[in-house]
Amino acid sequence: MAAPQITITLEGNGSVTLRAPQPDIDAPVTVPGVVYRTQGGSLVQYQIGSPYWECTLTIPSMTNDDKNALEAFFRNNWGAAMTYTDENGNTFSVRFLDTGLPLRKTSRDLWTATLHLSFSSILN
């Protein structure tokens, strides 16, 4: 097995390559549905949509140039499907889920970004 890379790539209208996200990523699987108890105490459940996956990736240690490239990519690709290639070479179709791009300046010329993305399948 090849060693993982230390970068990820987002491709759509242009592309941006960034440092790989911090580990320990929450990757919930959601099955849209309704759950309730009847007056008699029985549990009733039914599905009302297709399952979906979303993740929040924290991208650490971005320079000002990285931050500017990500910000431009976000503006140019918000609302469109993109391709996400992770540090292991796995690819996913993704979309931004938030209308804002949370950026945090951690020190001089050093930024952290949080990407909330909808994924085509669960992370590998």
PDB file of N, CA and C in Angstrom:
ATOM      1  N   MET A   1       0.842  -1.171   0.000  1.00  0.00           N
ATOM      2  CA  MET A   1       0.000   0.000   0.000  1.00  0.00           C
ATOM      3  C   MET A   1       0.894   1.244   0.000  1.00  0.00           C
ATOM      4  N   ALA A   2       0.577   2.177  -0.867  1.00  0.00           N
ATOM      5  CA  ALA A   2       1.360   3.407  -0.967  1.00  0.00           C
ATOM      6  C   ALA A   2       1.100   4.291   0.247  1.00  0.00           C
ATOM      7  N   ALA A   3       2.121   5.045   0.612  1.00  0.00           N
ATOM      8  CA  ALA A   3       1.981   5.983   1.729  1.00  0.00           C
ATOM      9  C   ALA A   3       1.028   7.106   1.329  1.00  0.00           C
ATOM     10  N   PRO A   4       0.201   7.579   2.259  1.00  0.00           N
ATOM     11  CA  PRO A   4      -0.718   8.672   1.921  1.00  0.00           C
ATOM     12  C   PRO A   4       0.032   9.966   1.628  1.00  0.00           C
ATOM     13  N   GLN A   5      -0.574  10.785   0.780  1.00  0.00           N
ATOM     14  CA  GLN A   5      -0.036  12.110   0.486  1.00  0.00           C
ATOM     15  C   GLN A   5      -0.411  13.034   1.629  1.00  0.00           C
ATOM     16  N   ILE A   6       0.164  14.201   1.648  1.00  0.00           N
ATOM     17  CA  ILE A   6      -0.181  15.146   2.712  1.00  0.00           C
ATOM     18  C   ILE A   6      -1.085  16.261   2.195  1.00  0.00           C
ATOM     19  N   THR A   7      -1.649  16.048   0.991  1.00  0.00           N
ATOM     20  CA  THR A   7      -2.531  17.067   0.422  1.00  0.00           C
ATOM     21  C   THR A   7      -3.837  16.451  -0.061  1.00  0.00           C
ATOM     22  N   ILE A   8      -4.820  17.322  -0.227  1.00  0.00           N
ATOM     23  CA  ILE A   8      -6.096  16.982  -0.851  1.00  0.00           C
ATOM     24  C   ILE A   8      -6.291  17.947  -2.005  1.00  0.00           C
ATOM     25  N   THR A   9      -7.186  17.599  -2.929  1.00  0.00           N
ATOM     26  CA  THR A   9      -7.484  18.484  -4.055  1.00  0.00           C
ATOM     27  C   THR A   9      -8.990  18.581  -4.229  1.00  0.00           C
ATOM     28  N   LEU A  10      -9.472  19.803  -4.440  1.00  0.00           N
ATOM     29  CA  LEU A  10     -10.850  20.066  -4.831  1.00  0.00           C
ATOM     30  C   LEU A  10     -10.811  20.553  -6.265  1.00  0.00           C
ATOM     31  N   GLU A  11     -11.617  19.923  -7.141  1.00  0.00           N
ATOM     32  CA  GLU A  11     -11.663  20.302  -8.550  1.00  0.00           C
ATOM     33  C   GLU A  11     -13.096  20.592  -8.949  1.00  0.00           C
ATOM     34  N   GLY A  12     -13.273  21.646  -9.691  1.00  0.00           N
ATOM     35  CA  GLY A  12     -14.577  22.046 -10.211  1.00  0.00           C
ATOM     36  C   GLY A  12     -14.312  23.096 -11.249  1.00  0.00           C
ATOM     37  N   ASN A  13     -14.780  24.317 -10.996  1.00  0.00           N
ATOM     38  CA  ASN A  13     -14.430  25.464 -11.822  1.00  0.00           C
ATOM     39  C   ASN A  13     -13.069  25.925 -11.317  1.00  0.00           C
ATOM     40  N   GLY A  14     -12.009  25.308 -11.826  1.00  0.00           N
ATOM     41  CA  GLY A  14     -10.656  25.483 -11.303  1.00  0.00           C
ATOM     42  C   GLY A  14     -10.369  24.403 -10.285  1.00  0.00           C
ATOM     43  N   SER A  15      -9.254  24.500  -9.622  1.00  0.00           N
ATOM     44  CA  SER A  15      -8.909  23.524  -8.586  1.00  0.00           C
ATOM     45  C   SER A  15      -8.068  24.202  -7.516  1.00  0.00           C
ATOM     46  N   VAL A  16      -8.025  23.558  -6.363  1.00  0.00           N
ATOM     47  CA  VAL A  16      -7.198  24.033  -5.258  1.00  0.00           C
ATOM     48  C   VAL A  16      -6.646  22.803  -4.548  1.00  0.00           C
ATOM     49  N   THR A  17      -5.352  22.849  -4.234  1.00  0.00           N
ATOM     50  CA  THR A  17      -4.700  21.777  -3.493  1.00  0.00           C
ATOM     51  C   THR A  17      -4.296  22.341  -2.139  1.00  0.00           C
ATOM     52  N   LEU A  18      -4.684  21.621  -1.095  1.00  0.00           N
ATOM     53  CA  LEU A  18      -4.465  22.076   0.274  1.00  0.00           C
ATOM     54  C   LEU A  18      -3.869  20.961   1.103  1.00  0.00           C
ATOM     55  N   ARG A  19      -3.331  21.337   2.247  1.00  0.00           N
ATOM     56  CA  ARG A  19      -2.842  20.353   3.205  1.00  0.00           C
ATOM     57  C   ARG A  19      -4.002  19.431   3.594  1.00  0.00           C
ATOM     58  N   ALA A  20      -3.719  18.158   3.842  1.00  0.00           N
ATOM     59  CA  ALA A  20      -4.759  17.197   4.226  1.00  0.00           C
ATOM     60  C   ALA A  20      -5.429  17.627   5.526  1.00  0.00           C
ATOM     61  N   PRO A  21      -6.712  17.290   5.693  1.00  0.00           N
ATOM     62  CA  PRO A  21      -7.422  17.691   6.910  1.00  0.00           C
ATOM     63  C   PRO A  21      -6.852  17.030   8.155  1.00  0.00           C
ATOM     64  N   GLN A  22      -7.154  17.660   9.285  1.00  0.00           N
ATOM     65  CA  GLN A  22      -6.771  17.064  10.559  1.00  0.00           C
ATOM     66  C   GLN A  22      -7.503  15.742  10.712  1.00  0.00           C
ATOM     67  N   PRO A  23      -6.875  14.760  11.364  1.00  0.00           N
ATOM     68  CA  PRO A  23      -7.553  13.471  11.568  1.00  0.00           C
ATOM     69  C   PRO A  23      -8.716  13.598  12.547  1.00  0.00           C
ATOM     70  N   ASP A  24      -9.379  12.491  12.801  1.00  0.00           N
ATOM     71  CA  ASP A  24     -10.514  12.439  13.710  1.00  0.00           C
ATOM     72  C   ASP A  24     -11.699  13.217  13.141  1.00  0.00           C
ATOM     73  N   ILE A  25     -12.112  12.831  11.922  1.00  0.00           N
ATOM     74  CA  ILE A  25     -13.185  13.505  11.186  1.00  0.00           C
ATOM     75  C   ILE A  25     -14.520  12.818  11.476  1.00  0.00           C
ATOM     76  N   ASP A  26     -15.497  13.590  11.911  1.00  0.00           N
ATOM     77  CA  ASP A  26     -16.851  13.056  12.041  1.00  0.00           C
ATOM     78  C   ASP A  26     -17.420  12.853  10.644  1.00  0.00           C
ATOM     79  N   ALA A  27     -17.970  11.670  10.379  1.00  0.00           N
ATOM     80  CA  ALA A  27     -18.519  11.347   9.060  1.00  0.00           C
ATOM     81  C   ALA A  27     -19.858  10.631   9.224  1.00  0.00           C
ATOM     82  N   PRO A  28     -20.889  11.350   9.705  1.00  0.00           N
ATOM     83  CA  PRO A  28     -22.174  10.699   9.955  1.00  0.00           C
ATOM     84  C   PRO A  28     -22.894  10.278   8.676  1.00  0.00           C
ATOM     85  N   VAL A  29     -23.618   9.175   8.789  1.00  0.00           N
ATOM     86  CA  VAL A  29     -24.529   8.727   7.738  1.00  0.00           C
ATOM     87  C   VAL A  29     -25.931   9.070   8.238  1.00  0.00           C
ATOM     88  N   THR A  30     -26.696   9.772   7.428  1.00  0.00           N
ATOM     89  CA  THR A  30     -28.033  10.183   7.838  1.00  0.00           C
ATOM     90  C   THR A  30     -29.073   9.514   6.949  1.00  0.00           C
ATOM     91  N   VAL A  31     -30.050   8.889   7.584  1.00  0.00           N
ATOM     92  CA  VAL A  31     -31.200   8.341   6.882  1.00  0.00           C
ATOM     93  C   VAL A  31     -32.380   9.232   7.265  1.00  0.00           C
ATOM     94  N   PRO A  32     -32.847  10.083   6.336  1.00  0.00           N
ATOM     95  CA  PRO A  32     -33.963  10.963   6.679  1.00  0.00           C
ATOM     96  C   PRO A  32     -35.211  10.140   6.992  1.00  0.00           C
ATOM     97  N   GLY A  33     -35.772  10.414   8.130  1.00  0.00           N
ATOM     98  CA  GLY A  33     -36.936   9.641   8.512  1.00  0.00           C
ATOM     99  C   GLY A  33     -37.684  10.263   9.670  1.00  0.00           C
ATOM    100  N   VAL A  34     -38.734   9.602  10.034  1.00  0.00           N
ATOM    101  CA  VAL A  34     -39.579  10.024  11.145  1.00  0.00           C
ATOM    102  C   VAL A  34     -39.606   8.877  12.149  1.00  0.00           C
ATOM    103  N   VAL A  35     -39.445   9.232  13.429  1.00  0.00           N
ATOM    104  CA  VAL A  35     -39.501   8.244  14.505  1.00  0.00           C
ATOM    105  C   VAL A  35     -40.444   8.802  15.577  1.00  0.00           C
ATOM    106  N   TYR A  36     -41.431   7.996  15.981  1.00  0.00           N
ATOM    107  CA  TYR A  36     -42.320   8.435  17.061  1.00  0.00           C
ATOM    108  C   TYR A  36     -42.939   7.211  17.740  1.00  0.00           C
ATOM    109  N   ARG A  37     -43.506   7.456  18.903  1.00  0.00           N
ATOM    110  CA  ARG A  37     -44.201   6.401  19.642  1.00  0.00           C
ATOM    111  C   ARG A  37     -45.702   6.657  19.585  1.00  0.00           C
ATOM    112  N   THR A  38     -46.429   5.591  19.396  1.00  0.00           N
ATOM    113  CA  THR A  38     -47.893   5.703  19.398  1.00  0.00           C
ATOM    114  C   THR A  38     -48.385   5.835  20.841  1.00  0.00           C
ATOM    115  N   GLN A  39     -49.670   6.130  20.999  1.00  0.00           N
ATOM    116  CA  GLN A  39     -50.241   6.205  22.347  1.00  0.00           C
ATOM    117  C   GLN A  39     -50.095   4.890  23.087  1.00  0.00           C
ATOM    118  N   GLY A  40     -50.089   3.790  22.336  1.00  0.00           N
ATOM    119  CA  GLY A  40     -49.940   2.466  22.947  1.00  0.00           C
ATOM    120  C   GLY A  40     -48.500   2.108  23.263  1.00  0.00           C
ATOM    121  N   GLY A  41     -47.545   2.969  22.883  1.00  0.00           N
ATOM    122  CA  GLY A  41     -46.141   2.725  23.207  1.00  0.00           C
ATOM    123  C   GLY A  41     -45.329   2.078  22.099  1.00  0.00           C
ATOM    124  N   SER A  42     -45.970   1.744  20.970  1.00  0.00           N
ATOM    125  CA  SER A  42     -45.221   1.132  19.868  1.00  0.00           C
ATOM    126  C   SER A  42     -44.341   2.174  19.192  1.00  0.00           C
ATOM    127  N   LEU A  43     -43.195   1.745  18.743  1.00  0.00           N
ATOM    128  CA  LEU A  43     -42.276   2.610  18.019  1.00  0.00           C
ATOM    129  C   LEU A  43     -42.589   2.542  16.528  1.00  0.00           C
ATOM    130  N   VAL A  44     -42.776   3.691  15.899  1.00  0.00           N
ATOM    131  CA  VAL A  44     -43.071   3.769  14.471  1.00  0.00           C
ATOM    132  C   VAL A  44     -41.920   4.516  13.799  1.00  0.00           C
ATOM    133  N   GLN A  45     -41.408   3.959  12.716  1.00  0.00           N
ATOM    134  CA  GLN A  45     -40.323   4.586  11.962  1.00  0.00           C
ATOM    135  C   GLN A  45     -40.607   4.434  10.481  1.00  0.00           C
ATOM    136  N   TYR A  46     -40.327   5.498   9.727  1.00  0.00           N
ATOM    137  CA  TYR A  46     -40.372   5.370   8.281  1.00  0.00           C
ATOM    138  C   TYR A  46     -39.398   6.356   7.651  1.00  0.00           C
ATOM    139  N   GLN A  47     -38.862   5.912   6.537  1.00  0.00           N
ATOM    140  CA  GLN A  47     -37.861   6.690   5.808  1.00  0.00           C
ATOM    141  C   GLN A  47     -38.553   7.648   4.852  1.00  0.00           C
ATOM    142  N   ILE A  48     -38.067   8.899   4.777  1.00  0.00           N
ATOM    143  CA  ILE A  48     -38.687   9.896   3.905  1.00  0.00           C
ATOM    144  C   ILE A  48     -37.729  10.441   2.852  1.00  0.00           C
ATOM    145  N   GLY A  49     -36.574   9.832   2.712  1.00  0.00           N
ATOM    146  CA  GLY A  49     -35.615  10.291   1.713  1.00  0.00           C
ATOM    147  C   GLY A  49     -34.456   9.323   1.619  1.00  0.00           C
ATOM    148  N   SER A  50     -33.534   9.635   0.724  1.00  0.00           N
ATOM    149  CA  SER A  50     -32.355   8.794   0.531  1.00  0.00           C
ATOM    150  C   SER A  50     -31.293   9.092   1.579  1.00  0.00           C
ATOM    151  N   PRO A  51     -30.545   8.072   1.996  1.00  0.00           N
ATOM    152  CA  PRO A  51     -29.438   8.316   2.923  1.00  0.00           C
ATOM    153  C   PRO A  51     -28.418   9.277   2.311  1.00  0.00           C
ATOM    154  N   TYR A  52     -27.747  10.010   3.176  1.00  0.00           N
ATOM    155  CA  TYR A  52     -26.707  10.917   2.681  1.00  0.00           C
ATOM    156  C   TYR A  52     -25.567  11.006   3.681  1.00  0.00           C
ATOM    157  N   TRP A  53     -24.437  11.512   3.197  1.00  0.00           N
ATOM    158  CA  TRP A  53     -23.219  11.609   3.977  1.00  0.00           C
ATOM    159  C   TRP A  53     -22.724  13.049   3.938  1.00  0.00           C
ATOM    160  N   GLU A  54     -22.232  13.520   5.062  1.00  0.00           N
ATOM    161  CA  GLU A  54     -21.615  14.840   5.099  1.00  0.00           C
ATOM    162  C   GLU A  54     -20.477  14.816   6.107  1.00  0.00           C
ATOM    163  N   CYS A  55     -19.501  15.660   5.885  1.00  0.00           N
ATOM    164  CA  CYS A  55     -18.339  15.734   6.760  1.00  0.00           C
ATOM    165  C   CYS A  55     -17.927  17.187   6.938  1.00  0.00           C
ATOM    166  N   THR A  56     -17.306  17.440   8.056  1.00  0.00           N
ATOM    167  CA  THR A  56     -16.686  18.738   8.282  1.00  0.00           C
ATOM    168  C   THR A  56     -15.192  18.505   8.383  1.00  0.00           C
ATOM    169  N   LEU A  57     -14.469  19.023   7.409  1.00  0.00           N
ATOM    170  CA  LEU A  57     -13.021  18.855   7.352  1.00  0.00           C
ATOM    171  C   LEU A  57     -12.348  20.117   7.864  1.00  0.00           C
ATOM    172  N   THR A  58     -11.376  19.957   8.740  1.00  0.00           N
ATOM    173  CA  THR A  58     -10.602  21.087   9.231  1.00  0.00           C
ATOM    174  C   THR A  58      -9.254  21.066   8.527  1.00  0.00           C
ATOM    175  N   ILE A  59      -9.005  22.116   7.745  1.00  0.00           N
ATOM    176  CA  ILE A  59      -7.759  22.217   6.977  1.00  0.00           C
ATOM    177  C   ILE A  59      -6.806  23.120   7.757  1.00  0.00           C
ATOM    178  N   PRO A  60      -5.708  22.562   8.274  1.00  0.00           N
ATOM    179  CA  PRO A  60      -4.796  23.341   9.102  1.00  0.00           C
ATOM    180  C   PRO A  60      -3.666  23.976   8.297  1.00  0.00           C
ATOM    181  N   SER A  61      -3.002  24.907   8.922  1.00  0.00           N
ATOM    182  CA  SER A  61      -1.711  25.436   8.452  1.00  0.00           C
ATOM    183  C   SER A  61      -1.724  25.945   7.022  1.00  0.00           C
ATOM    184  N   MET A  62      -2.727  26.741   6.674  1.00  0.00           N
ATOM    185  CA  MET A  62      -2.774  27.345   5.340  1.00  0.00           C
ATOM    186  C   MET A  62      -2.047  28.688   5.369  1.00  0.00           C
ATOM    187  N   THR A  63      -1.286  28.956   4.324  1.00  0.00           N
ATOM    188  CA  THR A  63      -0.648  30.262   4.184  1.00  0.00           C
ATOM    189  C   THR A  63      -1.672  31.266   3.656  1.00  0.00           C
ATOM    190  N   ASN A  64      -1.294  32.523   3.598  1.00  0.00           N
ATOM    191  CA  ASN A  64      -2.190  33.531   3.007  1.00  0.00           C
ATOM    192  C   ASN A  64      -2.531  33.163   1.574  1.00  0.00           C
ATOM    193  N   ASP A  65      -1.554  32.658   0.801  1.00  0.00           N
ATOM    194  CA  ASP A  65      -1.818  32.265  -0.588  1.00  0.00           C
ATOM    195  C   ASP A  65      -2.809  31.105  -0.658  1.00  0.00           C
ATOM    196  N   ASP A  66      -2.648  30.102   0.230  1.00  0.00           N
ATOM    197  CA  ASP A  66      -3.590  28.976   0.283  1.00  0.00           C
ATOM    198  C   ASP A  66      -4.996  29.474   0.615  1.00  0.00           C
ATOM    199  N   LYS A  67      -5.087  30.348   1.611  1.00  0.00           N
ATOM    200  CA  LYS A  67      -6.382  30.894   2.040  1.00  0.00           C
ATOM    201  C   LYS A  67      -7.045  31.659   0.912  1.00  0.00           C
ATOM    202  N   ASN A  68      -6.283  32.474   0.195  1.00  0.00           N
ATOM    203  CA  ASN A  68      -6.835  33.243  -0.921  1.00  0.00           C
ATOM    204  C   ASN A  68      -7.308  32.326  -2.045  1.00  0.00           C
ATOM    205  N   ALA A  69      -6.544  31.268  -2.331  1.00  0.00           N
ATOM    206  CA  ALA A  69      -6.927  30.311  -3.378  1.00  0.00           C
ATOM    207  C   ALA A  69      -8.206  29.578  -2.983  1.00  0.00           C
ATOM    208  N   LEU A  70      -8.317  29.168  -1.713  1.00  0.00           N
ATOM    209  CA  LEU A  70      -9.518  28.477  -1.247  1.00  0.00           C
ATOM    210  C   LEU A  70     -10.728  29.406  -1.287  1.00  0.00           C
ATOM    211  N   GLU A  71     -10.548  30.636  -0.871  1.00  0.00           N
ATOM    212  CA  GLU A  71     -11.651  31.601  -0.866  1.00  0.00           C
ATOM    213  C   GLU A  71     -12.167  31.821  -2.290  1.00  0.00           C
ATOM    214  N   ALA A  72     -11.275  31.977  -3.264  1.00  0.00           N
ATOM    215  CA  ALA A  72     -11.683  32.151  -4.666  1.00  0.00           C
ATOM    216  C   ALA A  72     -12.380  30.888  -5.176  1.00  0.00           C
ATOM    217  N   PHE A  73     -11.846  29.717  -4.829  1.00  0.00           N
ATOM    218  CA  PHE A  73     -12.455  28.453  -5.248  1.00  0.00           C
ATOM    219  C   PHE A  73     -13.861  28.330  -4.667  1.00  0.00           C
ATOM    220  N   PHE A  74     -14.028  28.685  -3.394  1.00  0.00           N
ATOM    221  CA  PHE A  74     -15.336  28.629  -2.739  1.00  0.00           C
ATOM    222  C   PHE A  74     -16.350  29.509  -3.476  1.00  0.00           C
ATOM    223  N   ARG A  75     -15.967  30.742  -3.775  1.00  0.00           N
ATOM    224  CA  ARG A  75     -16.882  31.657  -4.477  1.00  0.00           C
ATOM    225  C   ARG A  75     -17.240  31.131  -5.859  1.00  0.00           C
ATOM    226  N   ASN A  76     -16.276  30.538  -6.564  1.00  0.00           N
ATOM    227  CA  ASN A  76     -16.496  30.072  -7.940  1.00  0.00           C
ATOM    228  C   ASN A  76     -17.223  28.736  -8.025  1.00  0.00           C
ATOM    229  N   ASN A  77     -17.290  27.987  -6.908  1.00  0.00           N
ATOM    230  CA  ASN A  77     -17.862  26.642  -6.962  1.00  0.00           C
ATOM    231  C   ASN A  77     -19.023  26.420  -6.012  1.00  0.00           C
ATOM    232  N   TRP A  78     -19.405  27.445  -5.246  1.00  0.00           N
ATOM    233  CA  TRP A  78     -20.525  27.272  -4.338  1.00  0.00           C
ATOM    234  C   TRP A  78     -21.779  26.951  -5.165  1.00  0.00           C
ATOM    235  N   GLY A  79     -22.504  25.926  -4.764  1.00  0.00           N
ATOM    236  CA  GLY A  79     -23.733  25.538  -5.459  1.00  0.00           C
ATOM    237  C   GLY A  79     -23.513  24.553  -6.598  1.00  0.00           C
ATOM    238  N   ALA A  80     -22.263  24.174  -6.843  1.00  0.00           N
ATOM    239  CA  ALA A  80     -21.955  23.248  -7.944  1.00  0.00           C
ATOM    240  C   ALA A  80     -21.319  21.973  -7.392  1.00  0.00           C
ATOM    241  N   ALA A  81     -21.443  20.899  -8.139  1.00  0.00           N
ATOM    242  CA  ALA A  81     -20.773  19.649  -7.775  1.00  0.00           C
ATOM    243  C   ALA A  81     -19.289  19.778  -8.086  1.00  0.00           C
ATOM    244  N   MET A  82     -18.470  19.199  -7.212  1.00  0.00           N
ATOM    245  CA  MET A  82     -17.019  19.227  -7.374  1.00  0.00           C
ATOM    246  C   MET A  82     -16.482  17.825  -7.122  1.00  0.00           C
ATOM    247  N   THR A  83     -15.217  17.636  -7.396  1.00  0.00           N
ATOM    248  CA  THR A  83     -14.540  16.382  -7.080  1.00  0.00           C
ATOM    249  C   THR A  83     -13.537  16.635  -5.969  1.00  0.00           C
ATOM    250  N   TYR A  84     -13.605  15.796  -4.947  1.00  0.00           N
ATOM    251  CA  TYR A  84     -12.677  15.860  -3.818  1.00  0.00           C
ATOM    252  C   TYR A  84     -11.784  14.632  -3.905  1.00  0.00           C
ATOM    253  N   THR A  85     -10.477  14.831  -3.936  1.00  0.00           N
ATOM    254  CA  THR A  85      -9.519  13.731  -3.902  1.00  0.00           C
ATOM    255  C   THR A  85      -8.798  13.798  -2.565  1.00  0.00           C
ATOM    256  N   ASP A  86      -8.951  12.737  -1.761  1.00  0.00           N
ATOM    257  CA  ASP A  86      -8.350  12.764  -0.433  1.00  0.00           C
ATOM    258  C   ASP A  86      -6.879  12.373  -0.481  1.00  0.00           C
ATOM    259  N   GLU A  87      -6.248  12.365   0.677  1.00  0.00           N
ATOM    260  CA  GLU A  87      -4.812  12.096   0.762  1.00  0.00           C
ATOM    261  C   GLU A  87      -4.439  10.666   0.393  1.00  0.00           C
ATOM    262  N   ASN A  88      -5.441   9.773   0.297  1.00  0.00           N
ATOM    263  CA  ASN A  88      -5.197   8.386  -0.105  1.00  0.00           C
ATOM    264  C   ASN A  88      -5.509   8.136  -1.572  1.00  0.00           C
ATOM    265  N   GLY A  89      -5.898   9.182  -2.303  1.00  0.00           N
ATOM    266  CA  GLY A  89      -6.221   9.053  -3.723  1.00  0.00           C
ATOM    267  C   GLY A  89      -7.666   8.690  -3.999  1.00  0.00           C
ATOM    268  N   ASN A  90      -8.505   8.581  -2.961  1.00  0.00           N
ATOM    269  CA  ASN A  90      -9.936   8.296  -3.153  1.00  0.00           C
ATOM    270  C   ASN A  90     -10.632   9.558  -3.656  1.00  0.00           C
ATOM    271  N   THR A  91     -11.586   9.390  -4.581  1.00  0.00           N
ATOM    272  CA  THR A  91     -12.312  10.551  -5.107  1.00  0.00           C
ATOM    273  C   THR A  91     -13.792  10.452  -4.748  1.00  0.00           C
ATOM    274  N   PHE A  92     -14.376  11.619  -4.525  1.00  0.00           N
ATOM    275  CA  PHE A  92     -15.781  11.736  -4.155  1.00  0.00           C
ATOM    276  C   PHE A  92     -16.369  12.940  -4.866  1.00  0.00           C
ATOM    277  N   SER A  93     -17.643  12.858  -5.182  1.00  0.00           N
ATOM    278  CA  SER A  93     -18.377  14.035  -5.640  1.00  0.00           C
ATOM    279  C   SER A  93     -18.844  14.747  -4.374  1.00  0.00           C
ATOM    280  N   VAL A  94     -18.581  16.060  -4.288  1.00  0.00           N
ATOM    281  CA  VAL A  94     -18.932  16.823  -3.094  1.00  0.00           C
ATOM    282  C   VAL A  94     -19.585  18.145  -3.472  1.00  0.00           C
ATOM    283  N   ARG A  95     -20.236  18.754  -2.489  1.00  0.00           N
ATOM    284  CA  ARG A  95     -20.798  20.106  -2.610  1.00  0.00           C
ATOM    285  C   ARG A  95     -20.598  20.818  -1.280  1.00  0.00           C
ATOM    286  N   PHE A  96     -20.400  22.123  -1.353  1.00  0.00           N
ATOM    287  CA  PHE A  96     -20.358  22.921  -0.130  1.00  0.00           C
ATOM    288  C   PHE A  96     -21.761  22.953   0.463  1.00  0.00           C
ATOM    289  N   LEU A  97     -21.878  22.793   1.775  1.00  0.00           N
ATOM    290  CA  LEU A  97     -23.185  22.815   2.441  1.00  0.00           C
ATOM    291  C   LEU A  97     -23.496  24.142   3.107  1.00  0.00           C
ATOM    292  N   ASP A  98     -22.496  24.964   3.336  1.00  0.00           N
ATOM    293  CA  ASP A  98     -22.714  26.244   4.004  1.00  0.00           C
ATOM    294  C   ASP A  98     -22.536  27.395   3.025  1.00  0.00           C
ATOM    295  N   THR A  99     -23.221  28.493   3.298  1.00  0.00           N
ATOM    296  CA  THR A  99     -23.092  29.680   2.454  1.00  0.00           C
ATOM    297  C   THR A  99     -21.886  30.522   2.838  1.00  0.00           C
ATOM    298  N   GLY A 100     -21.255  30.193   3.952  1.00  0.00           N
ATOM    299  CA  GLY A 100     -20.060  30.900   4.386  1.00  0.00           C
ATOM    300  C   GLY A 100     -18.885  29.945   4.460  1.00  0.00           C
ATOM    301  N   LEU A 101     -17.690  30.491   4.346  1.00  0.00           N
ATOM    302  CA  LEU A 101     -16.457  29.713   4.453  1.00  0.00           C
ATOM    303  C   LEU A 101     -15.758  30.122   5.749  1.00  0.00           C
ATOM    304  N   PRO A 102     -15.864  29.315   6.811  1.00  0.00           N
ATOM    305  CA  PRO A 102     -15.240  29.677   8.076  1.00  0.00           C
ATOM    306  C   PRO A 102     -13.713  29.632   7.987  1.00  0.00           C
ATOM    307  N   LEU A 103     -13.107  30.779   8.136  1.00  0.00           N
ATOM    308  CA  LEU A 103     -11.647  30.908   8.145  1.00  0.00           C
ATOM    309  C   LEU A 103     -11.230  31.440   9.501  1.00  0.00           C
ATOM    310  N   ARG A 104     -10.119  30.947  10.021  1.00  0.00           N
ATOM    311  CA  ARG A 104      -9.602  31.425  11.303  1.00  0.00           C
ATOM    312  C   ARG A 104      -8.113  31.706  11.145  1.00  0.00           C
ATOM    313  N   LYS A 105      -7.730  32.944  11.446  1.00  0.00           N
ATOM    314  CA  LYS A 105      -6.314  33.298  11.416  1.00  0.00           C
ATOM    315  C   LYS A 105      -5.711  32.848  12.731  1.00  0.00           C
ATOM    316  N   THR A 106      -4.750  31.921  12.660  1.00  0.00           N
ATOM    317  CA  THR A 106      -4.167  31.373  13.879  1.00  0.00           C
ATOM    318  C   THR A 106      -2.876  32.085  14.273  1.00  0.00           C
ATOM    319  N   SER A 107      -2.195  32.642  13.323  1.00  0.00           N
ATOM    320  CA  SER A 107      -1.016  33.467  13.574  1.00  0.00           C
ATOM    321  C   SER A 107      -0.650  34.159  12.268  1.00  0.00           C
ATOM    322  N   ARG A 108       0.430  34.894  12.276  1.00  0.00           N
ATOM    323  CA  ARG A 108       0.845  35.629  11.083  1.00  0.00           C
ATOM    324  C   ARG A 108       1.014  34.669   9.913  1.00  0.00           C
ATOM    325  N   ASP A 109       0.346  34.958   8.808  1.00  0.00           N
ATOM    326  CA  ASP A 109       0.397  34.138   7.587  1.00  0.00           C
ATOM    327  C   ASP A 109       0.068  32.667   7.847  1.00  0.00           C
ATOM    328  N   LEU A 110      -0.830  32.390   8.778  1.00  0.00           N
ATOM    329  CA  LEU A 110      -1.227  31.009   9.039  1.00  0.00           C
ATOM    330  C   LEU A 110      -2.723  30.973   9.348  1.00  0.00           C
ATOM    331  N   TRP A 111      -3.447  30.153   8.585  1.00  0.00           N
ATOM    332  CA  TRP A 111      -4.903  30.091   8.656  1.00  0.00           C
ATOM    333  C   TRP A 111      -5.373  28.650   8.830  1.00  0.00           C
ATOM    334  N   THR A 112      -6.579  28.498   9.357  1.00  0.00           N
ATOM    335  CA  THR A 112      -7.288  27.222   9.414  1.00  0.00           C
ATOM    336  C   THR A 112      -8.657  27.451   8.781  1.00  0.00           C
ATOM    337  N   ALA A 113      -9.103  26.488   7.976  1.00  0.00           N
ATOM    338  CA  ALA A 113     -10.428  26.573   7.348  1.00  0.00           C
ATOM    339  C   ALA A 113     -11.243  25.350   7.745  1.00  0.00           C
ATOM    340  N   THR A 114     -12.548  25.539   7.775  1.00  0.00           N
ATOM    341  CA  THR A 114     -13.477  24.448   8.048  1.00  0.00           C
ATOM    342  C   THR A 114     -14.379  24.293   6.833  1.00  0.00           C
ATOM    343  N   LEU A 115     -14.339  23.111   6.205  1.00  0.00           N
ATOM    344  CA  LEU A 115     -15.143  22.835   5.014  1.00  0.00           C
ATOM    345  C   LEU A 115     -16.262  21.865   5.388  1.00  0.00           C
ATOM    346  N   HIS A 116     -17.502  22.315   5.299  1.00  0.00           N
ATOM    347  CA  HIS A 116     -18.663  21.459   5.555  1.00  0.00           C
ATOM    348  C   HIS A 116     -19.171  21.006   4.189  1.00  0.00           C
ATOM    349  N   LEU A 117     -18.990  19.711   3.898  1.00  0.00           N
ATOM    350  CA  LEU A 117     -19.263  19.178   2.560  1.00  0.00           C
ATOM    351  C   LEU A 117     -20.262  18.036   2.590  1.00  0.00           C
ATOM    352  N   SER A 118     -21.076  17.972   1.542  1.00  0.00           N
ATOM    353  CA  SER A 118     -21.925  16.825   1.260  1.00  0.00           C
ATOM    354  C   SER A 118     -21.104  15.873   0.398  1.00  0.00           C
ATOM    355  N   PHE A 119     -21.079  14.599   0.749  1.00  0.00           N
ATOM    356  CA  PHE A 119     -20.274  13.598   0.023  1.00  0.00           C
ATOM    357  C   PHE A 119     -21.165  12.630  -0.735  1.00  0.00           C
ATOM    358  N   SER A 120     -20.656  12.093  -1.849  1.00  0.00           N
ATOM    359  CA  SER A 120     -21.400  11.114  -2.653  1.00  0.00           C
ATOM    360  C   SER A 120     -21.447   9.752  -1.992  1.00  0.00           C
ATOM    361  N   SER A 121     -20.535   9.466  -1.086  1.00  0.00           N
ATOM    362  CA  SER A 121     -20.499   8.199  -0.346  1.00  0.00           C
ATOM    363  C   SER A 121     -19.693   8.412   0.924  1.00  0.00           C
ATOM    364  N   ILE A 122     -19.676   7.421   1.771  1.00  0.00           N
ATOM    365  CA  ILE A 122     -18.959   7.554   3.041  1.00  0.00           C
ATOM    366  C   ILE A 122     -17.449   7.553   2.806  1.00  0.00           C
ATOM    367  N   LEU A 123     -16.729   8.274   3.623  1.00  0.00           N
ATOM    368  CA  LEU A 123     -15.277   8.337   3.506  1.00  0.00           C
ATOM    369  C   LEU A 123     -14.661   6.944   3.636  1.00  0.00           C
ATOM    370  N   ASN A 124     -13.540   6.748   2.963  1.00  0.00           N
ATOM    371  CA  ASN A 124     -12.798   5.472   3.070  1.00  0.00           C
ATOM    372  C   ASN A 124     -11.723   5.600   4.104  1.00  0.00           C
TER     373      ASN A 124
END
